[in-house]
Amino acid sequence: MAFRSPVDIAAVNALRDDCMVGHLGITIIEAGEDWLRGTMPVDARTRQPYGLLHGGASVALAETLGSMAGGLCVDPQREAVVGLEINANHLRAVRSGVVTGTARALHVGRTTQVWEIRIENEAGKPVCISRLTLAVVPVA
């Protein structure tokens, strides 16, 4: 099990208040032993001027899911996670509805973590595949 304890979805969602995560409408909907799943609406907040889901919004969803999942793997009294690198391959356009992302642990180490985030449209077809590398740092 990658997470230190069972995931309290309500507590994780409370972290989105008053930040970009809440503004984009990202909501965590479920979690497993080593994965976290969330949704994001495709609407005026997340579309680019040509009416498609903005690639940056997909990356924001990916980094949110991976970072939140990574934070669940460390002792928050002693450690935090910060993004080192993220990449994304945009595979399919989305104009409306909701996209769902799932972050899965590829590596949870003492100093680094690597997460794969798969974002799908409402039909379950891949929209974006992303990989996020996190550093585990001491809390100051």
C-alpha atoms as a PDB file:
ATOM      1  CA  MET A   1       0.000   0.000   0.000  1.00  0.00           C
ATOM      2  CA  ALA A   2       1.477   3.346  -1.064  1.00  0.00           C
ATOM      3  CA  PHE A   3      -0.724   5.569   1.118  1.00  0.00           C
ATOM      4  CA  ARG A   4       0.071   5.889   4.823  1.00  0.00           C
ATOM      5  CA  SER A   5      -3.571   5.375   5.803  1.00  0.00           C
ATOM      6  CA  PRO A   6      -6.995   5.022   4.177  1.00  0.00           C
ATOM      7  CA  VAL A   7      -7.859   8.118   2.160  1.00  0.00           C
ATOM      8  CA  ASP A   8     -10.437  10.508   3.615  1.00  0.00           C
ATOM      9  CA  ILE A   9     -11.948  11.893   0.381  1.00  0.00           C
ATOM     10  CA  ALA A  10     -13.709  14.773   2.174  1.00  0.00           C
ATOM     11  CA  ALA A  11     -10.469  15.878   3.847  1.00  0.00           C
ATOM     12  CA  VAL A  12      -8.577  15.742   0.539  1.00  0.00           C
ATOM     13  CA  ASN A  13     -11.305  17.774  -1.191  1.00  0.00           C
ATOM     14  CA  ALA A  14     -11.163  20.380   1.597  1.00  0.00           C
ATOM     15  CA  LEU A  15      -7.605  21.201   0.436  1.00  0.00           C
ATOM     16  CA  ARG A  16      -8.953  22.638  -2.825  1.00  0.00           C
ATOM     17  CA  ASP A  17     -10.699  25.598  -1.218  1.00  0.00           C
ATOM     18  CA  ASP A  18      -9.295  29.033  -2.104  1.00  0.00           C
ATOM     19  CA  CYS A  19      -6.787  27.804  -4.704  1.00  0.00           C
ATOM     20  CA  MET A  20      -6.561  26.924  -8.397  1.00  0.00           C
ATOM     21  CA  VAL A  21      -7.802  23.383  -7.763  1.00  0.00           C
ATOM     22  CA  GLY A  22     -11.164  24.671  -6.568  1.00  0.00           C
ATOM     23  CA  HIS A  23     -11.321  27.356  -9.240  1.00  0.00           C
ATOM     24  CA  LEU A  24     -10.940  24.713 -11.981  1.00  0.00           C
ATOM     25  CA  GLY A  25     -13.642  22.560 -10.381  1.00  0.00           C
ATOM     26  CA  ILE A  26     -11.333  19.602  -9.701  1.00  0.00           C
ATOM     27  CA  THR A  27     -12.941  17.104  -7.314  1.00  0.00           C
ATOM     28  CA  ILE A  28     -11.424  13.919  -5.873  1.00  0.00           C
ATOM     29  CA  ILE A  29     -13.964  11.135  -6.240  1.00  0.00           C
ATOM     30  CA  GLU A  30     -12.253   7.904  -5.132  1.00  0.00           C
ATOM     31  CA  ALA A  31      -9.015   6.275  -4.060  1.00  0.00           C
ATOM     32  CA  GLY A  32      -7.447   2.836  -3.879  1.00  0.00           C
ATOM     33  CA  GLU A  33      -4.321   1.543  -2.171  1.00  0.00           C
ATOM     34  CA  ASP A  34      -1.964   3.305  -4.591  1.00  0.00           C
ATOM     35  CA  TRP A  35      -4.168   5.452  -6.824  1.00  0.00           C
ATOM     36  CA  LEU A  36      -6.284   8.579  -6.624  1.00  0.00           C
ATOM     37  CA  ARG A  37      -9.082   9.573  -9.044  1.00  0.00           C
ATOM     38  CA  GLY A  38     -10.613  12.979  -9.685  1.00  0.00           C
ATOM     39  CA  THR A  39     -12.760  14.852 -12.172  1.00  0.00           C
ATOM     40  CA  MET A  40     -12.643  18.238 -13.843  1.00  0.00           C
ATOM     41  CA  PRO A  41     -15.387  19.921 -15.883  1.00  0.00           C
ATOM     42  CA  VAL A  42     -14.705  20.994 -19.440  1.00  0.00           C
ATOM     43  CA  ASP A  43     -16.275  24.447 -19.396  1.00  0.00           C
ATOM     44  CA  ALA A  44     -15.354  28.131 -19.655  1.00  0.00           C
ATOM     45  CA  ARG A  45     -12.785  27.708 -16.848  1.00  0.00           C
ATOM     46  CA  THR A  46     -10.876  24.933 -18.581  1.00  0.00           C
ATOM     47  CA  ARG A  47     -11.315  25.512 -22.337  1.00  0.00           C
ATOM     48  CA  GLN A  48      -8.935  27.409 -24.595  1.00  0.00           C
ATOM     49  CA  PRO A  49     -10.238  30.141 -26.969  1.00  0.00           C
ATOM     50  CA  TYR A  50     -11.011  27.603 -29.723  1.00  0.00           C
ATOM     51  CA  GLY A  51     -13.449  25.665 -27.566  1.00  0.00           C
ATOM     52  CA  LEU A  52     -11.253  22.678 -26.662  1.00  0.00           C
ATOM     53  CA  LEU A  53     -10.029  21.506 -23.280  1.00  0.00           C
ATOM     54  CA  HIS A  54      -6.874  23.533 -22.619  1.00  0.00           C
ATOM     55  CA  GLY A  55      -3.733  21.407 -22.437  1.00  0.00           C
ATOM     56  CA  GLY A  56      -2.643  23.415 -19.411  1.00  0.00           C
ATOM     57  CA  ALA A  57      -5.869  22.496 -17.632  1.00  0.00           C
ATOM     58  CA  SER A  58      -5.149  18.818 -18.299  1.00  0.00           C
ATOM     59  CA  VAL A  59      -1.663  19.296 -16.852  1.00  0.00           C
ATOM     60  CA  ALA A  60      -3.142  21.110 -13.837  1.00  0.00           C
ATOM     61  CA  LEU A  61      -5.461  18.139 -13.245  1.00  0.00           C
ATOM     62  CA  ALA A  62      -2.557  15.710 -13.630  1.00  0.00           C
ATOM     63  CA  GLU A  63      -0.287  17.614 -11.249  1.00  0.00           C
ATOM     64  CA  THR A  64      -3.094  18.036  -8.733  1.00  0.00           C
ATOM     65  CA  LEU A  65      -3.868  14.315  -8.663  1.00  0.00           C
ATOM     66  CA  GLY A  66      -0.233  13.233  -8.563  1.00  0.00           C
ATOM     67  CA  SER A  67       0.760  15.766  -5.913  1.00  0.00           C
ATOM     68  CA  MET A  68      -2.229  15.017  -3.698  1.00  0.00           C
ATOM     69  CA  ALA A  69      -1.548  11.293  -4.018  1.00  0.00           C
ATOM     70  CA  GLY A  70       2.131  11.823  -3.274  1.00  0.00           C
ATOM     71  CA  GLY A  71       1.273  13.832  -0.190  1.00  0.00           C
ATOM     72  CA  LEU A  72      -0.764  10.890   1.096  1.00  0.00           C
ATOM     73  CA  CYS A  73       2.386   8.751   1.032  1.00  0.00           C
ATOM     74  CA  VAL A  74       4.463  10.856   3.432  1.00  0.00           C
ATOM     75  CA  ASP A  75       4.210  11.870   7.085  1.00  0.00           C
ATOM     76  CA  PRO A  76       2.929  15.479   6.782  1.00  0.00           C
ATOM     77  CA  GLN A  77       4.524  16.389  10.120  1.00  0.00           C
ATOM     78  CA  ARG A  78       7.967  15.587   8.712  1.00  0.00           C
ATOM     79  CA  GLU A  79       7.777  15.684   4.905  1.00  0.00           C
ATOM     80  CA  ALA A  80       6.062  17.268   1.915  1.00  0.00           C
ATOM     81  CA  VAL A  81       6.175  16.599  -1.812  1.00  0.00           C
ATOM     82  CA  VAL A  82       6.962  19.134  -4.527  1.00  0.00           C
ATOM     83  CA  GLY A  83       6.899  18.763  -8.277  1.00  0.00           C
ATOM     84  CA  LEU A  84      10.238  18.284 -10.057  1.00  0.00           C
ATOM     85  CA  GLU A  85       9.055  17.494 -13.571  1.00  0.00           C
ATOM     86  CA  ILE A  86       5.826  16.826 -15.420  1.00  0.00           C
ATOM     87  CA  ASN A  87       5.184  15.833 -19.015  1.00  0.00           C
ATOM     88  CA  ALA A  88       1.974  15.325 -20.895  1.00  0.00           C
ATOM     89  CA  ASN A  89       0.906  13.826 -24.193  1.00  0.00           C
ATOM     90  CA  HIS A  90      -2.421  15.237 -25.375  1.00  0.00           C
ATOM     91  CA  LEU A  91      -4.179  12.492 -27.311  1.00  0.00           C
ATOM     92  CA  ARG A  92      -7.775  13.527 -27.930  1.00  0.00           C
ATOM     93  CA  ALA A  93      -9.766  16.774 -27.978  1.00  0.00           C
ATOM     94  CA  VAL A  94     -12.672  17.362 -25.598  1.00  0.00           C
ATOM     95  CA  ARG A  95     -15.202  20.179 -26.040  1.00  0.00           C
ATOM     96  CA  SER A  96     -17.587  19.652 -23.123  1.00  0.00           C
ATOM     97  CA  GLY A  97     -18.536  17.377 -20.268  1.00  0.00           C
ATOM     98  CA  VAL A  98     -16.192  16.049 -17.630  1.00  0.00           C
ATOM     99  CA  VAL A  99     -12.759  14.459 -17.783  1.00  0.00           C
ATOM    100  CA  THR A 100     -11.588  11.946 -15.195  1.00  0.00           C
ATOM    101  CA  GLY A 101      -7.976  11.492 -14.178  1.00  0.00           C
ATOM    102  CA  THR A 102      -6.393   8.612 -12.295  1.00  0.00           C
ATOM    103  CA  ALA A 103      -2.969   8.938 -10.687  1.00  0.00           C
ATOM    104  CA  ARG A 104      -1.148   5.641 -10.097  1.00  0.00           C
ATOM    105  CA  ALA A 105       2.101   5.202  -8.255  1.00  0.00           C
ATOM    106  CA  LEU A 106       4.999   3.968 -10.366  1.00  0.00           C
ATOM    107  CA  HIS A 107       7.656   4.601  -7.698  1.00  0.00           C
ATOM    108  CA  VAL A 108       7.296   5.750  -4.091  1.00  0.00           C
ATOM    109  CA  GLY A 109      10.777   6.159  -2.679  1.00  0.00           C
ATOM    110  CA  ARG A 110      12.403   7.897   0.238  1.00  0.00           C
ATOM    111  CA  THR A 111      13.451  10.988  -1.772  1.00  0.00           C
ATOM    112  CA  THR A 112      11.426  10.816  -4.997  1.00  0.00           C
ATOM    113  CA  GLN A 113       8.096   9.599  -6.290  1.00  0.00           C
ATOM    114  CA  VAL A 114       6.901   8.984  -9.851  1.00  0.00           C
ATOM    115  CA  TRP A 115       3.206   9.009 -10.748  1.00  0.00           C
ATOM    116  CA  GLU A 116       1.439   8.202 -14.007  1.00  0.00           C
ATOM    117  CA  ILE A 117      -1.778  10.117 -14.588  1.00  0.00           C
ATOM    118  CA  ARG A 118      -4.274   8.966 -17.227  1.00  0.00           C
ATOM    119  CA  ILE A 119      -7.024  11.419 -18.124  1.00  0.00           C
ATOM    120  CA  GLU A 120     -10.077  10.070 -19.961  1.00  0.00           C
ATOM    121  CA  ASN A 121     -13.228  11.522 -21.510  1.00  0.00           C
ATOM    122  CA  GLU A 122     -16.732  10.423 -20.508  1.00  0.00           C
ATOM    123  CA  ALA A 123     -16.517   7.496 -22.954  1.00  0.00           C
ATOM    124  CA  GLY A 124     -13.367   6.213 -21.207  1.00  0.00           C
ATOM    125  CA  LYS A 125     -11.095   7.143 -24.125  1.00  0.00           C
ATOM    126  CA  PRO A 126      -7.674   8.595 -23.293  1.00  0.00           C
ATOM    127  CA  VAL A 127      -7.387  12.370 -23.524  1.00  0.00           C
ATOM    128  CA  CYS A 128      -3.982  12.904 -21.895  1.00  0.00           C
ATOM    129  CA  ILE A 129      -1.253  10.714 -20.453  1.00  0.00           C
ATOM    130  CA  SER A 130       1.091  12.404 -18.010  1.00  0.00           C
ATOM    131  CA  ARG A 131       4.033  11.472 -15.795  1.00  0.00           C
ATOM    132  CA  LEU A 132       4.886  13.479 -12.683  1.00  0.00           C
ATOM    133  CA  THR A 133       8.108  13.282 -10.684  1.00  0.00           C
ATOM    134  CA  LEU A 134       7.943  14.570  -7.117  1.00  0.00           C
ATOM    135  CA  ALA A 135      10.702  15.314  -4.628  1.00  0.00           C
ATOM    136  CA  VAL A 136      10.138  14.362  -1.006  1.00  0.00           C
ATOM    137  CA  VAL A 137      11.422  17.270   1.108  1.00  0.00           C
ATOM    138  CA  PRO A 138      11.587  17.905   4.838  1.00  0.00           C
ATOM    139  CA  VAL A 139       8.998  20.289   6.288  1.00  0.00           C
ATOM    140  CA  ALA A 140      10.781  23.416   7.499  1.00  0.00           C
END
